[in-house]
Amino acid sequence: MSPTDNTGMTDNTDNTEARLARGLKDRAGDVSGAPVGLDEVKRTARGIRRRRRATAALAAAAVIAVVVPVGLSATSGPDAAPPVGPAATTTPSPTAPTASPASGTVPLTVAGAAQGKAPAVGYLSGRSFHAPGGTLVTLPAEYESVAPYRGGFLGVRLKDGGYVTEQVDVSGRIVSSEPGGDRIVTSADGVEVSWVAGGKLWLDGTNGHSDSAQSIDLPTGLQSTPAPIGFLSAGTVLARVDGPGDGQDFWVTQFKDFTAVQGKPLAITSVNEDRGLLGLETSFDGNQGTSCWAVATNRPGDKEPKSCDWTVQAFSPHGNDLVGFPSGTDGPGSSTVALINSTTFQPAVTFQRKGDAQTFVQDVVWEDDGHVLASMFEDGTWYLVRLGLDGTIERLDQADGGNPDVSPFHFAAHG
C-alpha cells in the first residue's frame, strides 16, 4: 500500500448491512503475531531475503505444478479474458449432507467446557488486538483483519459501506487509507503479505523485509473489489478478481502478469501453501441450495477428493485436514462444524448443536494441526472457542450481547 493519504481517522462505522452482504463463503480467519520493532527487522531482513532468493527458482517451478491440476492457462495481462476450457475436476450433482460422520458427533456447546490457554493466533475484538503471548495492542479503528507490517499493521475495515485498507505505523497512527479488498493474506512462513488497495494488488514483507512493495494493476470492468485468497508459493498469489460475467474469476500472479484459472470454479475459499492444495466449489444446485466441493492438489498421484456433503472453509497448516460446514449452509453461521481429512474428505470429528439451541459458528482458523479457533454464538453470547481433532471444546474469550449476526471476534491475516 502506498502511504500517500494521511488521514488519522478513528471512526468505527457499524455498516452492519455491508457486513452481512459479504456472505459466509467470503469470510476468512487470519493469523499473525504482534508487531516487530524496526531495529529487530533490520537485523534479520538480510538473512531472510537471502534464504527466500535461494528458493526463487524452485518456487517458480512449484507454481507450475500447483496450477496444472486446476487448469490454469498462461493467459497474460490484467485485462486478458479468462479461457473457457473445461474444469479439471468434476463432481456428481449436489446431494443433501450425510446425517452423521463415521467418527461420531460431539455437542457444539460451551456448557461444561474448560477455560483454555490463550490462543496461539492473534485475534481482534473491537479496537483491541490480542497478540499471541497475551500482548494487547489498541488500534485506531475496529478492523476485520490485520497483519503486522513494517513495525505497525495493515488493517481492513468497513467504512461508508465499502472496504478500505489502512496502514498503521509503529506509533498507532493511520498513515494511509485507500479503497481495498475484504482480505489480507500472509505466506505460510509469515514473511510475505498481500493485499488490495488503490486499484492494485500488492506484495511486501510483513515487517519491511523488502526495499519497497511490489504491485500489479488490477483488471478493469470488475463487478466487485478483488481480494487475495492465499499464497501458492513465495511471491505467488492467488486472487479473486470478479469479471463482468457471472460467477467469480480467479487469477494467479507473480506480479508481472496474470494467469487465469480455467473452468471458472464457483469459488476458491482456501489455499494450503505447504501441500499446494486448493479448496474448490465445483457445482451448485439451486433447487436444493447445496454445492459440491473438491480438494485439488499439485502432487502427482495424490487423490483429489470430492464431496457434496461438506464445504471447504480452511486447511490445517500442513494440509492434512480441513474445516468444513455442511453443504447448503446459509445465514450468519453454521450449527455444524466438521474437522475433515483432506485426503478422504471424511470427517474425523463433527461438532453439532444440541436440539434447537441457538448455536452457530461464524469464523474459523486453524491454530495448529490439531486445533481450530472459532467464533461461536450461543444463547445470546459470542464466544471464542478452541475445537480439537480429539473432540474437545475449550472456551477462550466471550462478549455478552451484541449483534447475533456479526461476530465481535475476528482473526488476523493468514494464507
Protein backbone atom coordinates (compact mmCIF):
# COMPACT_ATOMS: atom_id res chain seq x y z
CA MET A 1 0.00 0.00 0.00
CA SER A 2 1.40 3.34 -0.96
CA PRO A 3 1.32 5.56 2.16
CA THR A 4 0.05 8.68 0.44
CA ASP A 5 -3.13 9.60 2.29
CA ASN A 6 -2.56 10.94 5.80
CA THR A 7 -5.94 10.68 7.49
CA GLY A 8 -5.64 9.98 11.21
CA MET A 9 -9.22 8.70 11.13
CA THR A 10 -10.60 6.76 14.10
CA ASP A 11 -14.33 6.36 13.33
CA ASN A 12 -15.99 3.00 14.00
CA THR A 13 -18.82 2.91 11.42
CA ASP A 14 -21.11 -0.05 12.03
CA ASN A 15 -22.01 -0.95 8.41
CA THR A 16 -24.00 -3.99 9.52
CA GLU A 17 -25.77 -4.45 6.19
CA ALA A 18 -22.48 -4.43 4.30
CA ARG A 19 -21.01 -6.96 6.73
CA LEU A 20 -23.93 -9.34 6.16
CA ALA A 21 -23.82 -8.85 2.39
CA ARG A 22 -20.26 -10.09 2.37
CA GLY A 23 -21.60 -13.65 2.68
CA LEU A 24 -20.48 -16.69 4.65
CA LYS A 25 -18.16 -18.12 1.98
CA ASP A 26 -16.08 -14.94 1.76
CA ARG A 27 -15.37 -14.82 5.48
CA ALA A 28 -11.88 -15.93 6.38
CA GLY A 29 -9.93 -16.18 9.56
CA ASP A 30 -6.41 -14.86 9.79
CA VAL A 31 -3.26 -15.43 11.89
CA SER A 32 -0.28 -13.39 12.90
CA GLY A 33 1.68 -12.08 15.85
CA ALA A 34 2.42 -8.73 17.42
CA PRO A 35 4.31 -6.04 15.50
CA VAL A 36 8.09 -6.33 15.50
CA GLY A 37 10.36 -3.38 16.17
CA LEU A 38 12.16 -1.89 13.18
CA ASP A 39 15.63 -2.39 14.66
CA GLU A 40 15.00 -6.12 15.01
CA VAL A 41 13.62 -6.22 11.48
CA LYS A 42 16.75 -4.66 10.05
CA ARG A 43 18.95 -7.21 11.81
CA THR A 44 17.03 -10.17 10.35
CA ALA A 45 15.83 -8.89 6.99
CA ARG A 46 19.00 -9.58 5.00
CA GLY A 47 19.17 -13.22 6.08
CA ILE A 48 15.52 -13.81 5.26
CA ARG A 49 15.89 -12.21 1.84
CA ARG A 50 18.88 -14.43 1.06
CA ARG A 51 17.01 -17.59 2.04
CA ARG A 52 13.96 -16.69 0.00
CA ARG A 53 16.01 -15.70 -3.07
CA ALA A 54 17.79 -19.05 -2.91
CA THR A 55 14.43 -20.79 -3.36
CA ALA A 56 13.04 -18.44 -6.04
CA ALA A 57 13.70 -20.82 -8.94
CA LEU A 58 12.14 -23.73 -7.06
CA ALA A 59 9.13 -21.59 -6.17
CA ALA A 60 8.54 -20.72 -9.82
CA ALA A 61 8.62 -24.41 -10.72
CA ALA A 62 6.25 -25.19 -7.87
CA VAL A 63 3.76 -22.65 -9.18
CA ILE A 64 3.52 -24.51 -12.47
CA ALA A 65 3.00 -27.77 -10.60
CA VAL A 66 0.30 -26.24 -8.42
CA VAL A 67 -1.74 -24.71 -11.21
CA VAL A 68 -1.86 -27.62 -13.63
CA PRO A 69 -4.39 -29.74 -11.68
CA VAL A 70 -6.88 -26.88 -11.55
CA GLY A 71 -6.46 -25.97 -15.21
CA LEU A 72 -4.56 -22.73 -15.26
CA SER A 73 -3.88 -21.15 -18.64
CA ALA A 74 -0.84 -18.99 -19.32
CA THR A 75 -3.01 -16.01 -20.23
CA SER A 76 -1.01 -12.82 -19.78
CA GLY A 77 -2.04 -9.31 -18.94
CA PRO A 78 -4.51 -7.99 -16.37
CA ASP A 79 -7.23 -7.46 -18.99
CA ALA A 80 -6.91 -10.82 -20.71
CA ALA A 81 -10.16 -12.77 -20.97
CA PRO A 82 -10.28 -15.97 -18.91
CA PRO A 83 -10.08 -19.11 -21.04
CA VAL A 84 -13.16 -21.27 -21.42
CA GLY A 85 -11.54 -24.70 -21.16
CA PRO A 86 -13.20 -27.42 -19.10
CA ALA A 87 -12.65 -27.60 -15.38
CA ALA A 88 -10.03 -30.12 -14.34
CA THR A 89 -12.20 -31.52 -11.55
CA THR A 90 -15.68 -32.96 -11.99
CA THR A 91 -18.17 -33.85 -9.30
CA PRO A 92 -21.56 -35.50 -9.08
CA SER A 93 -24.70 -33.43 -8.64
CA PRO A 94 -25.10 -31.92 -5.17
CA THR A 95 -26.94 -34.02 -2.61
CA ALA A 96 -28.13 -33.37 0.91
CA PRO A 97 -25.49 -33.63 3.68
CA THR A 98 -24.99 -37.00 5.32
CA ALA A 99 -26.75 -37.41 8.64
CA SER A 100 -23.63 -38.04 10.72
CA PRO A 101 -19.91 -38.73 10.23
CA ALA A 102 -18.33 -42.13 10.71
CA SER A 103 -16.25 -40.92 13.66
CA GLY A 104 -19.16 -39.67 15.76
CA THR A 105 -20.62 -36.34 16.82
CA VAL A 106 -19.71 -34.01 19.69
CA PRO A 107 -22.23 -31.46 21.07
CA LEU A 108 -21.38 -27.92 19.96
CA THR A 109 -21.78 -26.05 23.23
CA VAL A 110 -19.71 -24.18 25.82
CA ALA A 111 -21.69 -25.81 28.62
CA GLY A 112 -19.13 -27.66 30.73
CA ALA A 113 -16.22 -26.53 28.52
CA ALA A 114 -12.95 -25.86 30.32
CA GLN A 115 -11.19 -22.50 30.16
CA GLY A 116 -8.31 -22.89 27.69
CA LYS A 117 -4.94 -21.20 27.49
CA ALA A 118 -4.55 -18.02 25.45
CA PRO A 119 -4.72 -18.61 21.67
CA ALA A 120 -1.50 -19.03 19.72
CA VAL A 121 -3.15 -16.99 16.94
CA GLY A 122 -3.80 -13.27 17.08
CA TYR A 123 -7.41 -12.07 17.13
CA LEU A 124 -9.37 -8.84 17.18
CA SER A 125 -12.13 -7.68 19.50
CA GLY A 126 -13.28 -4.13 18.89
CA ARG A 127 -10.18 -1.94 18.68
CA SER A 128 -8.11 -4.44 20.66
CA PHE A 129 -5.65 -6.82 19.00
CA HIS A 130 -4.86 -9.82 21.21
CA ALA A 131 -1.42 -10.97 20.09
CA PRO A 132 -0.12 -14.48 20.77
CA GLY A 133 1.52 -14.50 24.18
CA GLY A 134 -1.03 -12.14 25.70
CA THR A 135 0.16 -8.74 24.46
CA LEU A 136 -2.78 -6.35 23.96
CA VAL A 137 -2.49 -3.63 21.31
CA THR A 138 -5.06 -0.82 20.96
CA LEU A 139 -5.66 0.07 17.31
CA PRO A 140 -7.01 3.38 15.95
CA ALA A 141 -10.15 1.74 14.48
CA GLU A 142 -12.12 -1.52 14.51
CA TYR A 143 -10.62 -3.81 11.86
CA GLU A 144 -11.92 -7.08 10.47
CA SER A 145 -8.42 -8.29 9.67
CA VAL A 146 -4.89 -7.10 10.39
CA ALA A 147 -1.34 -8.17 9.59
CA PRO A 148 1.91 -6.95 11.15
CA TYR A 149 3.61 -4.64 8.66
CA ARG A 150 6.79 -2.55 8.93
CA GLY A 151 6.61 -2.27 12.71
CA GLY A 152 2.88 -1.49 12.69
CA PHE A 153 -0.10 -3.04 10.96
CA LEU A 154 -2.08 -3.28 7.76
CA GLY A 155 -5.79 -3.35 8.52
CA VAL A 156 -9.02 -3.94 6.57
CA ARG A 157 -12.28 -2.43 7.74
CA LEU A 158 -15.67 -1.26 6.54
CA LYS A 159 -16.10 2.47 6.11
CA ASP A 160 -19.06 4.23 4.49
CA GLY A 161 -20.38 0.97 3.07
CA GLY A 162 -17.14 -0.22 1.47
CA TYR A 163 -13.84 -1.77 2.47
CA VAL A 164 -10.70 0.30 2.99
CA THR A 165 -7.16 -0.89 3.61
CA GLU A 166 -5.16 1.18 6.07
CA GLN A 167 -1.54 1.27 7.17
CA VAL A 168 -0.96 1.91 10.87
CA ASP A 169 2.56 2.92 11.84
CA VAL A 170 4.51 1.84 14.91
CA SER A 171 3.04 4.73 16.92
CA GLY A 172 -0.54 3.61 16.18
CA ARG A 173 -1.28 6.41 13.69
CA ILE A 174 -3.11 5.75 10.41
CA VAL A 175 -0.69 6.91 7.71
CA SER A 176 -2.66 5.82 4.63
CA SER A 177 -6.21 4.75 3.80
CA GLU A 178 -7.40 3.59 0.37
CA PRO A 179 -10.36 1.62 -1.04
CA GLY A 180 -9.38 -2.05 -0.95
CA GLY A 181 -10.43 -5.67 -0.72
CA ASP A 182 -12.00 -7.58 2.15
CA ARG A 183 -8.94 -9.73 2.89
CA ILE A 184 -5.26 -9.60 3.75
CA VAL A 185 -3.19 -12.79 3.42
CA THR A 186 0.26 -13.81 4.61
CA SER A 187 2.58 -16.52 3.36
CA ALA A 188 2.91 -19.78 5.29
CA ASP A 189 6.22 -18.66 6.83
CA GLY A 190 4.76 -15.27 7.78
CA VAL A 191 7.38 -13.35 5.78
CA GLU A 192 5.20 -12.00 2.95
CA VAL A 193 1.87 -10.20 2.95
CA SER A 194 -0.53 -9.37 0.11
CA TRP A 195 -3.49 -7.00 -0.05
CA VAL A 196 -5.56 -4.83 -2.40
CA ALA A 197 -5.54 -1.04 -2.23
CA GLY A 198 -5.94 1.81 -4.69
CA GLY A 199 -6.74 -0.41 -7.70
CA LYS A 200 -3.63 -2.59 -7.27
CA LEU A 201 -2.71 -5.96 -5.80
CA TRP A 202 0.30 -5.52 -3.51
CA LEU A 203 3.08 -7.76 -2.18
CA ASP A 204 5.63 -6.93 0.51
CA GLY A 205 7.48 -8.32 3.51
CA THR A 206 5.33 -8.30 6.63
CA ASN A 207 7.78 -6.08 8.50
CA GLY A 208 9.71 -4.42 5.72
CA HIS A 209 11.84 -7.34 4.53
CA SER A 210 11.86 -5.76 1.07
CA ASP A 211 13.15 -2.39 -0.06
CA SER A 212 9.72 -1.48 -1.45
CA ALA A 213 6.37 -3.11 -2.08
CA GLN A 214 5.59 -4.75 -5.43
CA SER A 215 2.25 -4.16 -7.13
CA ILE A 216 0.29 -5.02 -10.24
CA ASP A 217 -2.69 -3.14 -11.70
CA LEU A 218 -5.99 -4.95 -11.38
CA PRO A 219 -8.21 -5.76 -14.37
CA THR A 220 -10.76 -3.14 -15.38
CA GLY A 221 -14.54 -3.50 -15.56
CA LEU A 222 -14.86 -5.64 -12.44
CA GLN A 223 -18.10 -6.42 -10.58
CA SER A 224 -16.56 -6.04 -7.14
CA THR A 225 -13.31 -5.18 -5.43
CA PRO A 226 -10.76 -8.02 -5.83
CA ALA A 227 -9.04 -9.66 -2.88
CA PRO A 228 -6.16 -12.12 -2.39
CA ILE A 229 -7.09 -15.69 -1.42
CA GLY A 230 -3.65 -17.01 -0.47
CA PHE A 231 -0.06 -17.76 -1.43
CA LEU A 232 0.73 -20.68 -3.77
CA SER A 233 4.45 -20.22 -3.11
CA ALA A 234 6.85 -17.41 -2.21
CA GLY A 235 5.95 -14.34 -4.25
CA THR A 236 2.99 -16.03 -5.98
CA VAL A 237 -0.57 -15.04 -5.02
CA LEU A 238 -3.98 -16.40 -5.96
CA ALA A 239 -6.62 -13.65 -6.03
CA ARG A 240 -10.36 -13.38 -6.52
CA VAL A 241 -10.90 -10.99 -9.42
CA ASP A 242 -14.59 -10.91 -10.33
CA GLY A 243 -15.03 -10.13 -14.03
CA PRO A 244 -18.00 -8.63 -15.86
CA GLY A 245 -19.73 -12.03 -16.36
CA ASP A 246 -21.49 -14.36 -13.94
CA GLY A 247 -19.70 -16.07 -11.07
CA GLN A 248 -16.23 -15.44 -9.70
CA ASP A 249 -12.94 -15.26 -11.58
CA PHE A 250 -9.61 -16.30 -10.08
CA TRP A 251 -6.12 -15.31 -11.19
CA VAL A 252 -2.56 -16.17 -10.21
CA THR A 253 0.24 -13.64 -10.35
CA GLN A 254 3.96 -13.27 -9.63
CA PHE A 255 3.40 -9.52 -10.03
CA LYS A 256 4.46 -9.33 -13.68
CA ASP A 257 1.27 -10.58 -15.33
CA PHE A 258 -1.81 -12.66 -14.50
CA THR A 259 -2.66 -16.31 -15.18
CA ALA A 260 -6.37 -17.12 -15.26
CA VAL A 261 -7.95 -20.18 -13.70
CA GLN A 262 -9.77 -22.23 -16.33
CA GLY A 263 -13.14 -23.84 -15.88
CA LYS A 264 -14.48 -20.99 -13.73
CA PRO A 265 -14.73 -22.71 -10.35
CA LEU A 266 -17.64 -21.19 -8.47
CA ALA A 267 -15.37 -20.40 -5.52
CA ILE A 268 -11.86 -20.99 -4.22
CA THR A 269 -12.08 -20.48 -0.49
CA SER A 270 -8.78 -21.75 0.87
CA VAL A 271 -5.17 -22.40 -0.17
CA ASN A 272 -2.57 -24.57 1.54
CA GLU A 273 0.92 -23.49 0.51
CA ASP A 274 2.68 -26.41 2.19
CA ARG A 275 1.00 -29.12 0.08
CA GLY A 276 -0.27 -26.99 -2.79
CA LEU A 277 -3.96 -27.59 -2.03
CA LEU A 278 -6.94 -25.58 -3.22
CA GLY A 279 -10.49 -25.82 -1.87
CA LEU A 280 -12.83 -25.52 -4.88
CA GLU A 281 -16.60 -25.17 -5.16
CA THR A 282 -17.32 -27.06 -8.39
CA SER A 283 -21.12 -27.04 -8.71
CA PHE A 284 -24.27 -25.65 -7.12
CA ASP A 285 -27.83 -27.00 -7.09
CA GLY A 286 -30.19 -24.04 -6.93
CA ASN A 287 -33.19 -26.22 -6.16
CA GLN A 288 -31.69 -27.82 -3.06
CA GLY A 289 -29.35 -24.95 -2.21
CA THR A 290 -26.43 -27.37 -1.91
CA SER A 291 -22.98 -27.37 -3.50
CA CYS A 292 -20.17 -29.80 -4.36
CA TRP A 293 -16.53 -29.26 -3.48
CA ALA A 294 -13.12 -30.69 -4.37
CA VAL A 295 -9.62 -30.60 -2.90
CA ALA A 296 -7.18 -30.03 -5.78
CA THR A 297 -3.51 -30.91 -5.32
CA ASN A 298 -0.23 -30.42 -7.19
CA ARG A 299 1.34 -33.74 -6.14
CA PRO A 300 1.27 -36.43 -8.85
CA GLY A 301 -0.58 -39.50 -7.62
CA ASP A 302 -2.37 -37.68 -4.80
CA LYS A 303 -6.11 -38.20 -4.67
CA GLU A 304 -8.31 -35.20 -5.32
CA PRO A 305 -11.32 -36.00 -3.13
CA LYS A 306 -14.76 -34.56 -3.80
CA SER A 307 -17.80 -34.08 -1.61
CA CYS A 308 -21.34 -32.83 -1.94
CA ASP A 309 -21.78 -33.10 1.85
CA TRP A 310 -19.16 -30.61 3.06
CA THR A 311 -17.69 -27.28 2.03
CA VAL A 312 -14.03 -26.28 2.40
CA GLN A 313 -13.55 -23.42 4.86
CA ALA A 314 -9.85 -23.65 5.74
CA PHE A 315 -6.91 -26.07 5.53
CA SER A 316 -4.74 -27.00 8.50
CA PRO A 317 -1.13 -25.68 8.41
CA HIS A 318 0.30 -28.88 6.90
CA GLY A 319 -2.81 -29.54 4.81
CA ASN A 320 -3.71 -32.90 6.36
CA ASP A 321 -7.14 -31.71 7.49
CA LEU A 322 -9.71 -29.04 6.71
CA VAL A 323 -12.66 -27.33 8.38
CA GLY A 324 -15.97 -27.94 6.66
CA PHE A 325 -19.53 -26.68 7.05
CA PRO A 326 -22.44 -28.77 5.71
CA SER A 327 -23.26 -28.18 2.06
CA GLY A 328 -26.19 -25.80 1.86
CA THR A 329 -25.24 -23.82 4.98
CA ASP A 330 -26.85 -20.39 4.85
CA GLY A 331 -27.35 -17.48 7.21
CA PRO A 332 -24.93 -15.92 9.70
CA GLY A 333 -23.15 -19.17 10.55
CA SER A 334 -23.22 -22.95 10.72
CA SER A 335 -24.68 -25.06 13.52
CA THR A 336 -22.43 -27.96 12.46
CA VAL A 337 -18.63 -27.88 12.06
CA ALA A 338 -16.56 -30.86 10.90
CA LEU A 339 -12.80 -31.38 11.05
CA ILE A 340 -12.18 -33.43 7.93
CA ASN A 341 -9.33 -35.47 6.49
CA SER A 342 -8.28 -33.62 3.33
CA THR A 343 -7.27 -36.83 1.51
CA THR A 344 -10.53 -38.71 2.03
CA PHE A 345 -12.99 -35.83 2.67
CA GLN A 346 -14.27 -37.89 5.63
CA PRO A 347 -14.89 -36.16 9.00
CA ALA A 348 -12.56 -37.05 11.84
CA VAL A 349 -14.93 -35.35 14.30
CA THR A 350 -18.12 -33.33 13.92
CA PHE A 351 -19.36 -30.68 16.33
CA GLN A 352 -23.14 -30.22 16.16
CA ARG A 353 -25.53 -28.07 18.17
CA LYS A 354 -27.84 -29.74 20.67
CA GLY A 355 -31.54 -29.80 19.76
CA ASP A 356 -32.99 -26.41 18.81
CA ALA A 357 -30.41 -24.33 20.66
CA GLN A 358 -29.46 -21.00 19.05
CA THR A 359 -25.87 -22.04 18.42
CA PHE A 360 -23.68 -21.49 15.38
CA VAL A 361 -20.08 -20.89 14.35
CA GLN A 362 -19.14 -17.99 12.09
CA ASP A 363 -15.36 -17.56 11.60
CA VAL A 364 -12.76 -20.35 11.82
CA VAL A 365 -8.97 -20.56 11.64
CA TRP A 366 -6.51 -23.36 12.37
CA GLU A 367 -4.39 -22.66 15.46
CA ASP A 368 -2.14 -25.65 14.78
CA ASP A 369 -2.53 -29.04 13.08
CA GLY A 370 -4.74 -30.35 15.88
CA HIS A 371 -6.92 -27.40 16.84
CA VAL A 372 -9.28 -24.86 15.29
CA LEU A 373 -10.26 -21.50 16.75
CA ALA A 374 -13.83 -20.41 16.10
CA SER A 375 -16.15 -17.53 16.90
CA MET A 376 -19.34 -19.13 18.21
CA PHE A 377 -22.72 -17.69 19.18
CA GLU A 378 -24.76 -19.50 21.83
CA ASP A 379 -27.88 -18.27 23.65
CA GLY A 380 -27.16 -14.55 23.36
CA THR A 381 -23.38 -14.59 23.90
CA TRP A 382 -20.45 -14.67 21.50
CA TYR A 383 -17.57 -16.94 22.46
CA LEU A 384 -14.09 -17.57 21.16
CA VAL A 385 -13.60 -21.33 21.40
CA ARG A 386 -10.99 -23.96 20.59
CA LEU A 387 -12.17 -27.15 18.82
CA GLY A 388 -9.83 -30.16 18.85
CA LEU A 389 -9.44 -33.09 16.49
CA ASP A 390 -9.77 -35.14 19.67
CA GLY A 391 -13.32 -33.80 20.15
CA THR A 392 -12.52 -31.34 22.94
CA ILE A 393 -14.00 -27.84 23.28
CA GLU A 394 -12.42 -25.04 25.30
CA ARG A 395 -13.69 -21.51 25.88
CA LEU A 396 -11.13 -18.73 25.44
CA ASP A 397 -13.00 -15.40 25.47
CA GLN A 398 -16.56 -14.09 25.39
CA ALA A 399 -18.57 -10.98 24.61
CA ASP A 400 -22.07 -10.70 26.05
CA GLY A 401 -24.87 -9.23 23.95
CA GLY A 402 -24.16 -7.50 20.66
CA ASN A 403 -25.39 -8.28 17.17
CA PRO A 404 -26.20 -12.00 16.84
CA ASP A 405 -25.46 -11.83 13.11
CA VAL A 406 -21.95 -10.35 13.31
CA SER A 407 -19.21 -11.80 15.49
CA PRO A 408 -17.20 -9.32 17.58
CA PHE A 409 -14.16 -11.61 17.19
CA HIS A 410 -12.03 -11.60 14.03
CA PHE A 411 -8.75 -13.34 13.29
CA ALA A 412 -5.62 -11.66 12.00
CA ALA A 413 -4.44 -12.32 8.43
CA HIS A 414 -3.28 -15.72 7.19
CA GLY A 415 -2.80 -17.55 3.91
